Amino acid sequence: MIGLTSHHRYYMYNDICDMRKGFDGLSGLIKTGMNRSPLDGSVYLFVNRRRDRMKMLVWESGGFMLYYKRLERGTFELPNSKNSRENILEWETLVLMLTGISLVQKNRKKRLKSVVKYG
C-alpha cells in the first residue's frame, strides 16, 4: 500500500540529518538516536540543516518505503521540540508542514475524537 494517513504514528528526528543517508542509515538513526524500532510501522521524519529537504521512512508490509521532498523555494517550519531526541507529530501538523502553512497561527477547534477499543 502506498500512502500515509492519519492512522500512522509520526515521529520527528530532532537532530540535523544528512540527506545522503538511505534506508540503512536512517534506520540506524531511529535505533540509536531515538531508541525505537524502525520496523514498528511508524513514520519517521528527518530534515536537513537548511530545512529544505525532508525524508520520511516507514516500514510497510515486506519492506521500507522512503518518501523524499525537496523544496524549490522556502523552508519547512518545524514544530517546537519538547524532547531533545524525538518529537511525536500529529497528522495535521505534518500536513501543515508539507503544505507550507504556518504552525504558529494554528488554532485548533474542538472536535470529538473517537476512541476505538479492541478485544
PDB file of N, CA and C in Angstrom:
ATOM      1  N   MET A   1       0.853  -1.182   0.000  1.00  0.00           N
ATOM      2  CA  MET A   1       0.000   0.000   0.000  1.00  0.00           C
ATOM      3  C   MET A   1       0.893   1.236   0.000  1.00  0.00           C
ATOM      4  N   ILE A   2       0.599   2.163  -0.857  1.00  0.00           N
ATOM      5  CA  ILE A   2       1.355   3.410  -0.907  1.00  0.00           C
ATOM      6  C   ILE A   2       0.464   4.514  -0.360  1.00  0.00           C
ATOM      7  N   GLY A   3       0.985   5.261   0.583  1.00  0.00           N
ATOM      8  CA  GLY A   3       0.238   6.387   1.128  1.00  0.00           C
ATOM      9  C   GLY A   3       0.331   6.462   2.635  1.00  0.00           C
ATOM     10  N   LEU A   4       0.361   7.667   3.121  1.00  0.00           N
ATOM     11  CA  LEU A   4       0.403   7.926   4.551  1.00  0.00           C
ATOM     12  C   LEU A   4      -0.936   8.508   4.961  1.00  0.00           C
ATOM     13  N   THR A   5      -1.397   8.120   6.141  1.00  0.00           N
ATOM     14  CA  THR A   5      -2.711   8.556   6.593  1.00  0.00           C
ATOM     15  C   THR A   5      -2.646   9.011   8.048  1.00  0.00           C
ATOM     16  N   SER A   6      -3.776   9.430   8.544  1.00  0.00           N
ATOM     17  CA  SER A   6      -3.872   9.840   9.945  1.00  0.00           C
ATOM     18  C   SER A   6      -3.803   8.644  10.884  1.00  0.00           C
ATOM     19  N   HIS A   7      -3.855   7.433  10.359  1.00  0.00           N
ATOM     20  CA  HIS A   7      -3.781   6.237  11.195  1.00  0.00           C
ATOM     21  C   HIS A   7      -2.347   5.837  11.534  1.00  0.00           C
ATOM     22  N   HIS A   8      -1.372   6.447  10.876  1.00  0.00           N
ATOM     23  CA  HIS A   8       0.029   6.195  11.201  1.00  0.00           C
ATOM     24  C   HIS A   8       0.434   7.018  12.430  1.00  0.00           C
ATOM     25  N   ARG A   9       1.484   6.595  13.089  1.00  0.00           N
ATOM     26  CA  ARG A   9       2.121   7.404  14.134  1.00  0.00           C
ATOM     27  C   ARG A   9       3.342   8.067  13.510  1.00  0.00           C
ATOM     28  N   TYR A  10       3.563   9.332  13.848  1.00  0.00           N
ATOM     29  CA  TYR A  10       4.644  10.114  13.238  1.00  0.00           C
ATOM     30  C   TYR A  10       5.615  10.578  14.312  1.00  0.00           C
ATOM     31  N   TYR A  11       6.900  10.355  14.048  1.00  0.00           N
ATOM     32  CA  TYR A  11       7.964  10.771  14.956  1.00  0.00           C
ATOM     33  C   TYR A  11       8.988  11.569  14.157  1.00  0.00           C
ATOM     34  N   MET A  12       9.382  12.703  14.700  1.00  0.00           N
ATOM     35  CA  MET A  12      10.367  13.541  14.032  1.00  0.00           C
ATOM     36  C   MET A  12      11.700  13.427  14.733  1.00  0.00           C
ATOM     37  N   TYR A  13      12.730  13.159  13.970  1.00  0.00           N
ATOM     38  CA  TYR A  13      14.095  13.143  14.483  1.00  0.00           C
ATOM     39  C   TYR A  13      14.534  14.594  14.611  1.00  0.00           C
ATOM     40  N   ASN A  14      14.885  15.018  15.819  1.00  0.00           N
ATOM     41  CA  ASN A  14      15.110  16.445  16.064  1.00  0.00           C
ATOM     42  C   ASN A  14      16.527  16.937  15.823  1.00  0.00           C
ATOM     43  N   ASP A  15      17.453  16.041  15.541  1.00  0.00           N
ATOM     44  CA  ASP A  15      18.798  16.480  15.189  1.00  0.00           C
ATOM     45  C   ASP A  15      18.873  16.699  13.681  1.00  0.00           C
ATOM     46  N   ILE A  16      19.973  17.314  13.243  1.00  0.00           N
ATOM     47  CA  ILE A  16      20.198  17.520  11.818  1.00  0.00           C
ATOM     48  C   ILE A  16      20.463  16.160  11.176  1.00  0.00           C
ATOM     49  N   CYS A  17      19.932  15.966   9.982  1.00  0.00           N
ATOM     50  CA  CYS A  17      20.110  14.703   9.281  1.00  0.00           C
ATOM     51  C   CYS A  17      20.813  14.938   7.945  1.00  0.00           C
ATOM     52  N   ASP A  18      21.797  14.098   7.665  1.00  0.00           N
ATOM     53  CA  ASP A  18      22.484  14.107   6.373  1.00  0.00           C
ATOM     54  C   ASP A  18      21.559  13.429   5.365  1.00  0.00           C
ATOM     55  N   MET A  19      21.122  14.158   4.356  1.00  0.00           N
ATOM     56  CA  MET A  19      20.162  13.638   3.398  1.00  0.00           C
ATOM     57  C   MET A  19      20.768  12.614   2.440  1.00  0.00           C
ATOM     58  N   ARG A  20      22.066  12.342   2.558  1.00  0.00           N
ATOM     59  CA  ARG A  20      22.667  11.277   1.758  1.00  0.00           C
ATOM     60  C   ARG A  20      22.361   9.910   2.347  1.00  0.00           C
ATOM     61  N   LYS A  21      21.852   9.873   3.577  1.00  0.00           N
ATOM     62  CA  LYS A  21      21.525   8.598   4.216  1.00  0.00           C
ATOM     63  C   LYS A  21      20.353   7.936   3.501  1.00  0.00           C
ATOM     64  N   GLY A  22      20.444   6.635   3.399  1.00  0.00           N
ATOM     65  CA  GLY A  22      19.387   5.850   2.783  1.00  0.00           C
ATOM     66  C   GLY A  22      18.647   5.034   3.831  1.00  0.00           C
ATOM     67  N   PHE A  23      18.103   3.922   3.403  1.00  0.00           N
ATOM     68  CA  PHE A  23      17.305   3.070   4.283  1.00  0.00           C
ATOM     69  C   PHE A  23      18.084   2.642   5.533  1.00  0.00           C
ATOM     70  N   ASP A  24      19.283   2.118   5.334  1.00  0.00           N
ATOM     71  CA  ASP A  24      20.062   1.598   6.462  1.00  0.00           C
ATOM     72  C   ASP A  24      20.543   2.705   7.388  1.00  0.00           C
ATOM     73  N   GLY A  25      21.004   3.819   6.830  1.00  0.00           N
ATOM     74  CA  GLY A  25      21.476   4.930   7.655  1.00  0.00           C
ATOM     75  C   GLY A  25      20.370   5.553   8.494  1.00  0.00           C
ATOM     76  N   LEU A  26      19.204   5.738   7.894  1.00  0.00           N
ATOM     77  CA  LEU A  26      18.066   6.299   8.625  1.00  0.00           C
ATOM     78  C   LEU A  26      17.558   5.313   9.676  1.00  0.00           C
ATOM     79  N   SER A  27      17.561   4.025   9.346  1.00  0.00           N
ATOM     80  CA  SER A  27      17.172   3.009  10.335  1.00  0.00           C
ATOM     81  C   SER A  27      18.113   3.040  11.530  1.00  0.00           C
ATOM     82  N   GLY A  28      19.398   3.256  11.272  1.00  0.00           N
ATOM     83  CA  GLY A  28      20.362   3.372  12.365  1.00  0.00           C
ATOM     84  C   GLY A  28      20.085   4.563  13.256  1.00  0.00           C
ATOM     85  N   LEU A  29      19.685   5.689  12.668  1.00  0.00           N
ATOM     86  CA  LEU A  29      19.332   6.870  13.466  1.00  0.00           C
ATOM     87  C   LEU A  29      18.109   6.596  14.336  1.00  0.00           C
ATOM     88  N   ILE A  30      17.164   5.854  13.799  1.00  0.00           N
ATOM     89  CA  ILE A  30      15.961   5.527  14.570  1.00  0.00           C
ATOM     90  C   ILE A  30      16.330   4.650  15.756  1.00  0.00           C
ATOM     91  N   LYS A  31      17.177   3.645  15.510  1.00  0.00           N
ATOM     92  CA  LYS A  31      17.570   2.719  16.588  1.00  0.00           C
ATOM     93  C   LYS A  31      18.426   3.403  17.645  1.00  0.00           C
ATOM     94  N   THR A  32      19.482   4.092  17.221  1.00  0.00           N
ATOM     95  CA  THR A  32      20.435   4.655  18.180  1.00  0.00           C
ATOM     96  C   THR A  32      20.036   6.032  18.688  1.00  0.00           C
ATOM     97  N   GLY A  33      19.498   6.877  17.824  1.00  0.00           N
ATOM     98  CA  GLY A  33      19.185   8.246  18.208  1.00  0.00           C
ATOM     99  C   GLY A  33      17.823   8.424  18.848  1.00  0.00           C
ATOM    100  N   MET A  34      16.889   7.523  18.517  1.00  0.00           N
ATOM    101  CA  MET A  34      15.531   7.666  19.034  1.00  0.00           C
ATOM    102  C   MET A  34      15.125   6.504  19.933  1.00  0.00           C
ATOM    103  N   ASN A  35      15.963   5.482  20.009  1.00  0.00           N
ATOM    104  CA  ASN A  35      15.674   4.281  20.807  1.00  0.00           C
ATOM    105  C   ASN A  35      14.327   3.668  20.443  1.00  0.00           C
ATOM    106  N   ARG A  36      14.070   3.558  19.155  1.00  0.00           N
ATOM    107  CA  ARG A  36      12.826   2.979  18.665  1.00  0.00           C
ATOM    108  C   ARG A  36      13.160   1.933  17.611  1.00  0.00           C
ATOM    109  N   SER A  37      12.180   1.158  17.233  1.00  0.00           N
ATOM    110  CA  SER A  37      12.357   0.155  16.188  1.00  0.00           C
ATOM    111  C   SER A  37      11.831   0.699  14.869  1.00  0.00           C
ATOM    112  N   PRO A  38      12.652   0.698  13.820  1.00  0.00           N
ATOM    113  CA  PRO A  38      12.162   1.176  12.520  1.00  0.00           C
ATOM    114  C   PRO A  38      11.133   0.239  11.895  1.00  0.00           C
ATOM    115  N   LEU A  39      10.955  -0.949  12.464  1.00  0.00           N
ATOM    116  CA  LEU A  39      10.026  -1.932  11.914  1.00  0.00           C
ATOM    117  C   LEU A  39       8.645  -1.872  12.561  1.00  0.00           C
ATOM    118  N   ASP A  40       8.386  -0.863  13.387  1.00  0.00           N
ATOM    119  CA  ASP A  40       7.116  -0.817  14.129  1.00  0.00           C
ATOM    120  C   ASP A  40       5.950  -0.223  13.337  1.00  0.00           C
ATOM    121  N   GLY A  41       6.157   0.174  12.098  1.00  0.00           N
ATOM    122  CA  GLY A  41       5.077   0.717  11.274  1.00  0.00           C
ATOM    123  C   GLY A  41       4.861   2.207  11.417  1.00  0.00           C
ATOM    124  N   SER A  42       5.615   2.849  12.299  1.00  0.00           N
ATOM    125  CA  SER A  42       5.518   4.306  12.451  1.00  0.00           C
ATOM    126  C   SER A  42       6.267   4.989  11.319  1.00  0.00           C
ATOM    127  N   VAL A  43       5.954   6.264  11.101  1.00  0.00           N
ATOM    128  CA  VAL A  43       6.624   7.064  10.080  1.00  0.00           C
ATOM    129  C   VAL A  43       7.641   7.956  10.796  1.00  0.00           C
ATOM    130  N   TYR A  44       8.872   7.923  10.323  1.00  0.00           N
ATOM    131  CA  TYR A  44       9.951   8.705  10.928  1.00  0.00           C
ATOM    132  C   TYR A  44      10.377   9.788   9.952  1.00  0.00           C
ATOM    133  N   LEU A  45      10.405  11.049  10.454  1.00  0.00           N
ATOM    134  CA  LEU A  45      10.729  12.203   9.622  1.00  0.00           C
ATOM    135  C   LEU A  45      12.118  12.709   9.945  1.00  0.00           C
ATOM    136  N   PHE A  46      12.835  13.101   8.890  1.00  0.00           N
ATOM    137  CA  PHE A  46      14.187  13.632   9.011  1.00  0.00           C
ATOM    138  C   PHE A  46      14.287  14.882   8.149  1.00  0.00           C
ATOM    139  N   VAL A  47      14.916  15.935   8.693  1.00  0.00           N
ATOM    140  CA  VAL A  47      15.048  17.208   7.972  1.00  0.00           C
ATOM    141  C   VAL A  47      16.524  17.597   7.965  1.00  0.00           C
ATOM    142  N   ASN A  48      16.978  18.207   6.865  1.00  0.00           N
ATOM    143  CA  ASN A  48      18.370  18.633   6.773  1.00  0.00           C
ATOM    144  C   ASN A  48      18.592  19.976   7.474  1.00  0.00           C
ATOM    145  N   ARG A  49      19.851  20.403   7.524  1.00  0.00           N
ATOM    146  CA  ARG A  49      20.226  21.633   8.232  1.00  0.00           C
ATOM    147  C   ARG A  49      19.513  22.863   7.670  1.00  0.00           C
ATOM    148  N   ARG A  50      19.402  22.964   6.347  1.00  0.00           N
ATOM    149  CA  ARG A  50      18.766  24.133   5.730  1.00  0.00           C
ATOM    150  C   ARG A  50      17.244  24.064   5.769  1.00  0.00           C
ATOM    151  N   ARG A  51      16.702  22.933   6.195  1.00  0.00           N
ATOM    152  CA  ARG A  51      15.251  22.709   6.311  1.00  0.00           C
ATOM    153  C   ARG A  51      14.522  22.833   4.978  1.00  0.00           C
ATOM    154  N   ASP A  52      15.199  22.477   3.887  1.00  0.00           N
ATOM    155  CA  ASP A  52      14.535  22.499   2.592  1.00  0.00           C
ATOM    156  C   ASP A  52      14.349  21.090   2.017  1.00  0.00           C
ATOM    157  N   ARG A  53      14.751  20.077   2.789  1.00  0.00           N
ATOM    158  CA  ARG A  53      14.581  18.692   2.374  1.00  0.00           C
ATOM    159  C   ARG A  53      14.072  17.856   3.538  1.00  0.00           C
ATOM    160  N   MET A  54      13.180  16.937   3.222  1.00  0.00           N
ATOM    161  CA  MET A  54      12.620  16.073   4.252  1.00  0.00           C
ATOM    162  C   MET A  54      12.523  14.653   3.704  1.00  0.00           C
ATOM    163  N   LYS A  55      12.910  13.693   4.546  1.00  0.00           N
ATOM    164  CA  LYS A  55      12.725  12.282   4.221  1.00  0.00           C
ATOM    165  C   LYS A  55      11.808  11.679   5.272  1.00  0.00           C
ATOM    166  N   MET A  56      10.965  10.756   4.817  1.00  0.00           N
ATOM    167  CA  MET A  56      10.072  10.021   5.714  1.00  0.00           C
ATOM    168  C   MET A  56      10.278   8.539   5.447  1.00  0.00           C
ATOM    169  N   LEU A  57      10.605   7.792   6.496  1.00  0.00           N
ATOM    170  CA  LEU A  57      10.848   6.360   6.385  1.00  0.00           C
ATOM    171  C   LEU A  57       9.766   5.611   7.141  1.00  0.00           C
ATOM    172  N   VAL A  58       9.180   4.605   6.484  1.00  0.00           N
ATOM    173  CA  VAL A  58       8.122   3.805   7.116  1.00  0.00           C
ATOM    174  C   VAL A  58       8.273   2.358   6.654  1.00  0.00           C
ATOM    175  N   TRP A  59       8.024   1.446   7.572  1.00  0.00           N
ATOM    176  CA  TRP A  59       8.020   0.029   7.243  1.00  0.00           C
ATOM    177  C   TRP A  59       6.622  -0.353   6.782  1.00  0.00           C
ATOM    178  N   GLU A  60       6.510  -0.797   5.556  1.00  0.00           N
ATOM    179  CA  GLU A  60       5.262  -1.314   5.013  1.00  0.00           C
ATOM    180  C   GLU A  60       5.416  -2.829   4.934  1.00  0.00           C
ATOM    181  N   SER A  61       4.382  -3.536   4.598  1.00  0.00           N
ATOM    182  CA  SER A  61       4.459  -4.993   4.562  1.00  0.00           C
ATOM    183  C   SER A  61       5.563  -5.460   3.608  1.00  0.00           C
ATOM    184  N   GLY A  62       6.583  -6.069   4.177  1.00  0.00           N
ATOM    185  CA  GLY A  62       7.649  -6.651   3.372  1.00  0.00           C
ATOM    186  C   GLY A  62       8.835  -5.763   3.088  1.00  0.00           C
ATOM    187  N   GLY A  63       8.799  -4.488   3.443  1.00  0.00           N
ATOM    188  CA  GLY A  63       9.946  -3.630   3.160  1.00  0.00           C
ATOM    189  C   GLY A  63       9.727  -2.187   3.559  1.00  0.00           C
ATOM    190  N   PHE A  64      10.787  -1.410   3.423  1.00  0.00           N
ATOM    191  CA  PHE A  64      10.747   0.007   3.760  1.00  0.00           C
ATOM    192  C   PHE A  64      10.246   0.824   2.573  1.00  0.00           C
ATOM    193  N   MET A  65       9.544   1.911   2.898  1.00  0.00           N
ATOM    194  CA  MET A  65       9.179   2.937   1.918  1.00  0.00           C
ATOM    195  C   MET A  65       9.891   4.211   2.343  1.00  0.00           C
ATOM    196  N   LEU A  66      10.470   4.912   1.394  1.00  0.00           N
ATOM    197  CA  LEU A  66      11.162   6.160   1.675  1.00  0.00           C
ATOM    198  C   LEU A  66      10.533   7.264   0.831  1.00  0.00           C
ATOM    199  N   TYR A  67       9.991   8.262   1.515  1.00  0.00           N
ATOM    200  CA  TYR A  67       9.420   9.433   0.856  1.00  0.00           C
ATOM    201  C   TYR A  67      10.429  10.569   0.993  1.00  0.00           C
ATOM    202  N   TYR A  68      10.597  11.344  -0.067  1.00  0.00           N
ATOM    203  CA  TYR A  68      11.598  12.414  -0.060  1.00  0.00           C
ATOM    204  C   TYR A  68      10.979  13.656  -0.701  1.00  0.00           C
ATOM    205  N   LYS A  69      11.033  14.774   0.012  1.00  0.00           N
ATOM    206  CA  LYS A  69      10.512  16.027  -0.543  1.00  0.00           C
ATOM    207  C   LYS A  69      11.619  17.073  -0.493  1.00  0.00           C
ATOM    208  N   ARG A  70      11.859  17.717  -1.643  1.00  0.00           N
ATOM    209  CA  ARG A  70      12.829  18.802  -1.748  1.00  0.00           C
ATOM    210  C   ARG A  70      12.085  20.051  -2.168  1.00  0.00           C
ATOM    211  N   LEU A  71      12.186  21.085  -1.344  1.00  0.00           N
ATOM    212  CA  LEU A  71      11.526  22.351  -1.664  1.00  0.00           C
ATOM    213  C   LEU A  71      12.393  23.134  -2.650  1.00  0.00           C
ATOM    214  N   GLU A  72      11.767  23.691  -3.645  1.00  0.00           N
ATOM    215  CA  GLU A  72      12.488  24.534  -4.600  1.00  0.00           C
ATOM    216  C   GLU A  72      12.637  25.956  -4.075  1.00  0.00           C
ATOM    217  N   ARG A  73      11.763  26.344  -3.148  1.00  0.00           N
ATOM    218  CA  ARG A  73      11.832  27.672  -2.545  1.00  0.00           C
ATOM    219  C   ARG A  73      11.270  27.565  -1.141  1.00  0.00           C
ATOM    220  N   GLY A  74      11.883  28.265  -0.192  1.00  0.00           N
ATOM    221  CA  GLY A  74      11.383  28.288   1.173  1.00  0.00           C
ATOM    222  C   GLY A  74      11.939  27.151   2.018  1.00  0.00           C
ATOM    223  N   THR A  75      11.436  27.068   3.244  1.00  0.00           N
ATOM    224  CA  THR A  75      11.889  26.052   4.187  1.00  0.00           C
ATOM    225  C   THR A  75      10.689  25.447   4.907  1.00  0.00           C
ATOM    226  N   PHE A  76      10.916  24.282   5.499  1.00  0.00           N
ATOM    227  CA  PHE A  76       9.892  23.666   6.329  1.00  0.00           C
ATOM    228  C   PHE A  76       9.884  24.362   7.681  1.00  0.00           C
ATOM    229  N   GLU A  77       8.709  24.708   8.157  1.00  0.00           N
ATOM    230  CA  GLU A  77       8.577  25.219   9.520  1.00  0.00           C
ATOM    231  C   GLU A  77       8.449  24.016  10.439  1.00  0.00           C
ATOM    232  N   LEU A  78       9.343  23.943  11.422  1.00  0.00           N
ATOM    233  CA  LEU A  78       9.360  22.796  12.317  1.00  0.00           C
ATOM    234  C   LEU A  78       8.629  23.124  13.614  1.00  0.00           C
ATOM    235  N   PRO A  79       7.962  22.138  14.193  1.00  0.00           N
ATOM    236  CA  PRO A  79       7.274  22.370  15.474  1.00  0.00           C
ATOM    237  C   PRO A  79       8.288  22.546  16.595  1.00  0.00           C
ATOM    238  N   ASN A  80       7.865  23.196  17.669  1.00  0.00           N
ATOM    239  CA  ASN A  80       8.731  23.345  18.834  1.00  0.00           C
ATOM    240  C   ASN A  80       9.032  21.979  19.413  1.00  0.00           C
ATOM    241  N   SER A  81      10.286  21.758  19.743  1.00  0.00           N
ATOM    242  CA  SER A  81      10.705  20.468  20.270  1.00  0.00           C
ATOM    243  C   SER A  81      10.518  20.421  21.778  1.00  0.00           C
ATOM    244  N   LYS A  82       9.800  19.395  22.266  1.00  0.00           N
ATOM    245  CA  LYS A  82       9.623  19.206  23.698  1.00  0.00           C
ATOM    246  C   LYS A  82      10.645  18.236  24.251  1.00  0.00           C
ATOM    247  N   ASN A  83      11.211  17.417  23.373  1.00  0.00           N
ATOM    248  CA  ASN A  83      12.191  16.414  23.768  1.00  0.00           C
ATOM    249  C   ASN A  83      13.382  16.559  22.831  1.00  0.00           C
ATOM    250  N   SER A  84      14.592  16.416  23.344  1.00  0.00           N
ATOM    251  CA  SER A  84      15.769  16.673  22.538  1.00  0.00           C
ATOM    252  C   SER A  84      16.000  15.632  21.451  1.00  0.00           C
ATOM    253  N   ARG A  85      15.489  14.408  21.592  1.00  0.00           N
ATOM    254  CA  ARG A  85      15.769  13.354  20.622  1.00  0.00           C
ATOM    255  C   ARG A  85      14.586  12.967  19.742  1.00  0.00           C
ATOM    256  N   GLU A  86      13.390  13.017  20.243  1.00  0.00           N
ATOM    257  CA  GLU A  86      12.255  12.646  19.408  1.00  0.00           C
ATOM    258  C   GLU A  86      11.066  13.542  19.692  1.00  0.00           C
ATOM    259  N   ASN A  87      10.238  13.668  18.716  1.00  0.00           N
ATOM    260  CA  ASN A  87       9.064  14.512  18.837  1.00  0.00           C
ATOM    261  C   ASN A  87       7.917  13.810  18.127  1.00  0.00           C
ATOM    262  N   ILE A  88       6.854  13.555  18.839  1.00  0.00           N
ATOM    263  CA  ILE A  88       5.684  12.923  18.245  1.00  0.00           C
ATOM    264  C   ILE A  88       4.879  14.003  17.529  1.00  0.00           C
ATOM    265  N   LEU A  89       4.557  13.745  16.285  1.00  0.00           N
ATOM    266  CA  LEU A  89       3.797  14.697  15.482  1.00  0.00           C
ATOM    267  C   LEU A  89       2.387  14.181  15.254  1.00  0.00           C
ATOM    268  N   GLU A  90       1.457  15.078  15.151  1.00  0.00           N
ATOM    269  CA  GLU A  90       0.106  14.728  14.738  1.00  0.00           C
ATOM    270  C   GLU A  90       0.048  14.813  13.217  1.00  0.00           C
ATOM    271  N   TRP A  91      -0.869  14.067  12.638  1.00  0.00           N
ATOM    272  CA  TRP A  91      -1.057  14.052  11.192  1.00  0.00           C
ATOM    273  C   TRP A  91      -1.294  15.461  10.652  1.00  0.00           C
ATOM    274  N   GLU A  92      -2.125  16.221  11.348  1.00  0.00           N
ATOM    275  CA  GLU A  92      -2.462  17.571  10.888  1.00  0.00           C
ATOM    276  C   GLU A  92      -1.226  18.465  10.849  1.00  0.00           C
ATOM    277  N   THR A  93      -0.342  18.318  11.835  1.00  0.00           N
ATOM    278  CA  THR A  93       0.885  19.120  11.868  1.00  0.00           C
ATOM    279  C   THR A  93       1.776  18.777  10.683  1.00  0.00           C
ATOM    280  N   LEU A  94       1.892  17.509  10.368  1.00  0.00           N
ATOM    281  CA  LEU A  94       2.687  17.099   9.206  1.00  0.00           C
ATOM    282  C   LEU A  94       2.119  17.691   7.927  1.00  0.00           C
ATOM    283  N   VAL A  95       0.811  17.651   7.766  1.00  0.00           N
ATOM    284  CA  VAL A  95       0.183  18.201   6.562  1.00  0.00           C
ATOM    285  C   VAL A  95       0.466  19.701   6.454  1.00  0.00           C
ATOM    286  N   LEU A  96       0.375  20.416   7.582  1.00  0.00           N
ATOM    287  CA  LEU A  96       0.680  21.854   7.567  1.00  0.00           C
ATOM    288  C   LEU A  96       2.135  22.094   7.180  1.00  0.00           C
ATOM    289  N   MET A  97       3.041  21.296   7.731  1.00  0.00           N
ATOM    290  CA  MET A  97       4.462  21.440   7.400  1.00  0.00           C
ATOM    291  C   MET A  97       4.704  21.227   5.913  1.00  0.00           C
ATOM    292  N   LEU A  98       4.110  20.182   5.353  1.00  0.00           N
ATOM    293  CA  LEU A  98       4.341  19.844   3.949  1.00  0.00           C
ATOM    294  C   LEU A  98       3.724  20.852   2.988  1.00  0.00           C
ATOM    295  N   THR A  99       2.623  21.467   3.393  1.00  0.00           N
ATOM    296  CA  THR A  99       1.958  22.424   2.508  1.00  0.00           C
ATOM    297  C   THR A  99       2.415  23.862   2.716  1.00  0.00           C
ATOM    298  N   GLY A 100       3.241  24.108   3.731  1.00  0.00           N
ATOM    299  CA  GLY A 100       3.791  25.438   3.940  1.00  0.00           C
ATOM    300  C   GLY A 100       2.914  26.378   4.732  1.00  0.00           C
ATOM    301  N   ILE A 101       1.980  25.847   5.479  1.00  0.00           N
ATOM    302  CA  ILE A 101       1.108  26.680   6.304  1.00  0.00           C
ATOM    303  C   ILE A 101       1.764  26.860   7.670  1.00  0.00           C
ATOM    304  N   SER A 102       1.725  28.073   8.201  1.00  0.00           N
ATOM    305  CA  SER A 102       2.405  28.393   9.454  1.00  0.00           C
ATOM    306  C   SER A 102       1.863  27.572  10.620  1.00  0.00           C
ATOM    307  N   LEU A 103       2.755  27.012  11.406  1.00  0.00           N
ATOM    308  CA  LEU A 103       2.366  26.258  12.595  1.00  0.00           C
ATOM    309  C   LEU A 103       2.070  27.168  13.771  1.00  0.00           C
ATOM    310  N   VAL A 104       2.585  28.388  13.740  1.00  0.00           N
ATOM    311  CA  VAL A 104       2.394  29.330  14.843  1.00  0.00           C
ATOM    312  C   VAL A 104       0.951  29.792  14.916  1.00  0.00           C
ATOM    313  N   GLN A 105       0.323  30.016  13.789  1.00  0.00           N
ATOM    314  CA  GLN A 105      -1.032  30.533  13.729  1.00  0.00           C
ATOM    315  C   GLN A 105      -2.096  29.446  13.883  1.00  0.00           C
ATOM    316  N   LYS A 106      -1.661  28.205  14.054  1.00  0.00           N
ATOM    317  CA  LYS A 106      -2.605  27.081  14.106  1.00  0.00           C
ATOM    318  C   LYS A 106      -3.542  27.235  15.297  1.00  0.00           C
ATOM    319  N   ASN A 107      -4.827  27.260  15.013  1.00  0.00           N
ATOM    320  CA  ASN A 107      -5.846  27.379  16.048  1.00  0.00           C
ATOM    321  C   ASN A 107      -6.815  26.219  15.881  1.00  0.00           C
ATOM    322  N   ARG A 108      -6.701  25.216  16.721  1.00  0.00           N
ATOM    323  CA  ARG A 108      -7.494  24.004  16.590  1.00  0.00           C
ATOM    324  C   ARG A 108      -8.862  24.173  17.240  1.00  0.00           C
ATOM    325  N   LYS A 109      -9.895  23.853  16.496  1.00  0.00           N
ATOM    326  CA  LYS A 109     -11.262  23.860  17.009  1.00  0.00           C
ATOM    327  C   LYS A 109     -11.537  22.552  17.733  1.00  0.00           C
ATOM    328  N   LYS A 110     -12.455  22.568  18.687  1.00  0.00           N
ATOM    329  CA  LYS A 110     -12.790  21.355  19.425  1.00  0.00           C
ATOM    330  C   LYS A 110     -13.489  20.364  18.499  1.00  0.00           C
ATOM    331  N   ARG A 111     -13.038  19.134  18.573  1.00  0.00           N
ATOM    332  CA  ARG A 111     -13.632  18.048  17.806  1.00  0.00           C
ATOM    333  C   ARG A 111     -13.702  16.813  18.692  1.00  0.00           C
ATOM    334  N   LEU A 112     -14.657  15.973  18.422  1.00  0.00           N
ATOM    335  CA  LEU A 112     -14.785  14.715  19.129  1.00  0.00           C
ATOM    336  C   LEU A 112     -13.781  13.734  18.549  1.00  0.00           C
ATOM    337  N   LYS A 113     -12.966  13.139  19.404  1.00  0.00           N
ATOM    338  CA  LYS A 113     -12.037  12.109  18.965  1.00  0.00           C
ATOM    339  C   LYS A 113     -12.624  10.769  19.350  1.00  0.00           C
ATOM    340  N   SER A 114     -12.818   9.923  18.359  1.00  0.00           N
ATOM    341  CA  SER A 114     -13.402   8.613  18.643  1.00  0.00           C
ATOM    342  C   SER A 114     -12.352   7.721  19.296  1.00  0.00           C
ATOM    343  N   VAL A 115     -12.802   6.939  20.240  1.00  0.00           N
ATOM    344  CA  VAL A 115     -11.939   6.002  20.929  1.00  0.00           C
ATOM    345  C   VAL A 115     -12.368   4.607  20.508  1.00  0.00           C
ATOM    346  N   VAL A 116     -11.432   3.900  19.884  1.00  0.00           N
ATOM    347  CA  VAL A 116     -11.726   2.554  19.408  1.00  0.00           C
ATOM    348  C   VAL A 116     -11.083   1.574  20.370  1.00  0.00           C
ATOM    349  N   LYS A 117     -11.889   0.651  20.901  1.00  0.00           N
ATOM    350  CA  LYS A 117     -11.368  -0.359  21.806  1.00  0.00           C
ATOM    351  C   LYS A 117     -11.368  -1.694  21.080  1.00  0.00           C
ATOM    352  N   TYR A 118     -10.226  -2.371  21.182  1.00  0.00           N
ATOM    353  CA  TYR A 118     -10.079  -3.675  20.532  1.00  0.00           C
ATOM    354  C   TYR A 118     -10.036  -4.749  21.597  1.00  0.00           C
ATOM    355  N   GLY A 119     -10.700  -5.853  21.300  1.00  0.00           N
ATOM    356  CA  GLY A 119     -10.665  -7.077  22.084  1.00  0.00           C
ATOM    357  C   GLY A 119     -10.916  -6.922  23.476  1.00  0.00           C
TER     358      GLY A 119
END
